[in-house]
Structure formats: C-alpha cells, structure tokens
C-alpha atoms as a PDB file:
ATOM      1  CA  MET A   1     164.175  35.383-124.049  1.00  0.00           C
ATOM      2  CA  ALA A   2     163.077  38.994-123.326  1.00  0.00           C
ATOM      3  CA  SER A   3     164.636  40.889-120.499  1.00  0.00           C
ATOM      4  CA  ALA A   4     162.477  41.733-117.502  1.00  0.00           C
ATOM      5  CA  SER A   5     163.956  45.207-117.336  1.00  0.00           C
ATOM      6  CA  CYS A   6     162.313  46.225-120.613  1.00  0.00           C
ATOM      7  CA  SER A   7     158.875  46.071-119.028  1.00  0.00           C
ATOM      8  CA  SER A   8     159.823  48.758-116.500  1.00  0.00           C
ATOM      9  CA  LEU A   9     160.615  51.371-119.150  1.00  0.00           C
ATOM     10  CA  THR A  10     158.192  54.264-119.558  1.00  0.00           C
ATOM     11  CA  PRO A  11     156.600  54.654-123.011  1.00  0.00           C
ATOM     12  CA  HIS A  12     157.986  57.406-125.285  1.00  0.00           C
ATOM     13  CA  GLY A  13     156.433  60.753-124.523  1.00  0.00           C
ATOM     14  CA  SER A  14     155.303  59.648-121.060  1.00  0.00           C
ATOM     15  CA  VAL A  15     156.849  61.637-118.210  1.00  0.00           C
ATOM     16  CA  PRO A  16     156.352  60.634-114.603  1.00  0.00           C
ATOM     17  CA  PRO A  17     154.352  63.214-112.627  1.00  0.00           C
ATOM     18  CA  THR A  18     156.277  65.696-110.528  1.00  0.00           C
ATOM     19  CA  PRO A  19     155.721  65.324-106.792  1.00  0.00           C
ATOM     20  CA  LEU A  20     153.382  67.735-105.059  1.00  0.00           C
ATOM     21  CA  PRO A  21     154.958  70.518-102.996  1.00  0.00           C
ATOM     22  CA  ALA A  22     155.807  69.212 -99.540  1.00  0.00           C
ATOM     23  CA  ASP A  23     154.070  72.073 -97.762  1.00  0.00           C
ATOM     24  CA  LEU A  24     150.769  71.043 -99.356  1.00  0.00           C
ATOM     25  CA  MET A  25     151.132  67.469 -98.139  1.00  0.00           C
ATOM     26  CA  VAL A  26     151.395  68.284 -94.402  1.00  0.00           C
ATOM     27  CA  PRO A  27     148.482  66.682 -92.604  1.00  0.00           C
ATOM     28  CA  CYS A  28     146.149  68.909 -90.611  1.00  0.00           C
ATOM     29  CA  PRO A  29     146.660  68.647 -86.861  1.00  0.00           C
ATOM     30  CA  ALA A  30     144.078  67.187 -84.519  1.00  0.00           C
ATOM     31  CA  PRO A  31     141.904  69.967 -83.024  1.00  0.00           C
ATOM     32  CA  SER A  32     143.230  71.445 -79.796  1.00  0.00           C
ATOM     33  CA  LYS A  33     141.601  70.542 -76.527  1.00  0.00           C
ATOM     34  CA  PRO A  34     140.586  73.057 -73.867  1.00  0.00           C
ATOM     35  CA  ALA A  35     143.181  73.668 -71.169  1.00  0.00           C
ATOM     36  CA  GLY A  36     140.461  73.874 -68.486  1.00  0.00           C
ATOM     37  CA  ASP A  37     136.748  74.210 -67.839  1.00  0.00           C
ATOM     38  CA  THR A  38     136.444  77.972 -67.506  1.00  0.00           C
ATOM     39  CA  LYS A  39     134.722  80.194 -70.025  1.00  0.00           C
ATOM     40  CA  GLU A  40     138.079  81.842 -70.758  1.00  0.00           C
ATOM     41  CA  ASP A  41     139.684  78.468 -71.475  1.00  0.00           C
ATOM     42  CA  MET A  42     136.876  77.608 -73.854  1.00  0.00           C
ATOM     43  CA  ALA A  43     137.075  80.986 -75.605  1.00  0.00           C
ATOM     44  CA  VAL A  44     140.824  80.599 -76.112  1.00  0.00           C
ATOM     45  CA  THR A  45     140.304  77.061 -77.430  1.00  0.00           C
ATOM     46  CA  VAL A  46     137.643  78.193 -79.910  1.00  0.00           C
ATOM     47  CA  LYS A  47     140.051  80.864 -81.223  1.00  0.00           C
ATOM     48  CA  VAL A  48     142.894  78.350 -81.545  1.00  0.00           C
ATOM     49  CA  VAL A  49     140.686  75.794 -83.315  1.00  0.00           C
ATOM     50  CA  LEU A  50     139.437  78.461 -85.734  1.00  0.00           C
ATOM     51  CA  ASP A  51     143.022  79.456 -86.498  1.00  0.00           C
ATOM     52  CA  GLU A  52     143.955  75.825 -87.073  1.00  0.00           C
ATOM     53  CA  TYR A  53     140.936  75.339 -89.328  1.00  0.00           C
ATOM     54  CA  GLY A  54     141.899  78.427 -91.326  1.00  0.00           C
ATOM     55  CA  LEU A  55     145.418  77.107 -91.933  1.00  0.00           C
ATOM     56  CA  CYS A  56     144.137  73.645 -92.896  1.00  0.00           C
ATOM     57  CA  ALA A  57     141.409  75.011 -95.180  1.00  0.00           C
ATOM     58  CA  GLY A  58     143.921  77.300 -96.874  1.00  0.00           C
ATOM     59  CA  ARG A  59     146.281  74.365 -97.484  1.00  0.00           C
ATOM     60  CA  LEU A  60     143.413  72.283 -98.905  1.00  0.00           C
ATOM     61  CA  PHE A  61     142.490  75.187-101.285  1.00  0.00           C
ATOM     62  CA  GLU A  62     146.111  75.439-102.449  1.00  0.00           C
ATOM     63  CA  LEU A  63     146.311  71.682-102.959  1.00  0.00           C
ATOM     64  CA  GLN A  64     143.084  71.681-105.002  1.00  0.00           C
ATOM     65  CA  ASP A  65     144.348  74.610-107.068  1.00  0.00           C
ATOM     66  CA  GLU A  66     147.631  72.796-107.751  1.00  0.00           C
ATOM     67  CA  LEU A  67     145.779  69.626-108.827  1.00  0.00           C
ATOM     68  CA  LEU A  68     143.409  71.612-111.077  1.00  0.00           C
ATOM     69  CA  GLN A  69     146.342  73.402-112.715  1.00  0.00           C
ATOM     70  CA  ARG A  70     148.106  70.085-113.319  1.00  0.00           C
ATOM     71  CA  GLY A  71     144.921  68.708-114.831  1.00  0.00           C
ATOM     72  CA  ALA A  72     144.568  71.693-117.147  1.00  0.00           C
ATOM     73  CA  ARG A  73     148.195  71.396-118.236  1.00  0.00           C
ATOM     74  CA  GLY A  74     147.725  67.695-118.920  1.00  0.00           C
ATOM     75  CA  ALA A  75     144.637  68.337-121.062  1.00  0.00           C
ATOM     76  CA  GLN A  76     146.508  70.671-123.441  1.00  0.00           C
END
C-alpha cells in the first residue's frame, strides 16, 4: 500500500514560487470623502484622492513589473 505522503512531494526540479513582496500586496484604500460641502473641502479632497491614486497606481505598476520579471525568469 502506497503512503499518502508521497503524493504531496514536489517533482524534482520544481521549486515552489517565492511569495510576492508584502508592500506590493497592500490593498488600495477606499477613496477619501469630502470633509464638508465647501469648495475648499472639495479641492482638498480632490488633491487627497489624486495622491491616493498615484500611490495605488505606482504599486500596481511595481506589481506588474515584478510579475513580468518572474515570467521572464521562468521562460529561460
């Protein structure tokens, strides 16, 4: 009778993937809401949301770059 533990072994030459960097896996925050109804409140909120978008877009670019590099290394 074969042991069940043998089926969990990885094949020779197969290495489990390394985890992605934790800083690239941080979810983007929900967009900020205006603190009030004045034009100044809205202007501040637009600036904050644009800053949040920039951080999130940068993180997505870095994540895509990391995945593309891993794909290129795996194809070699």
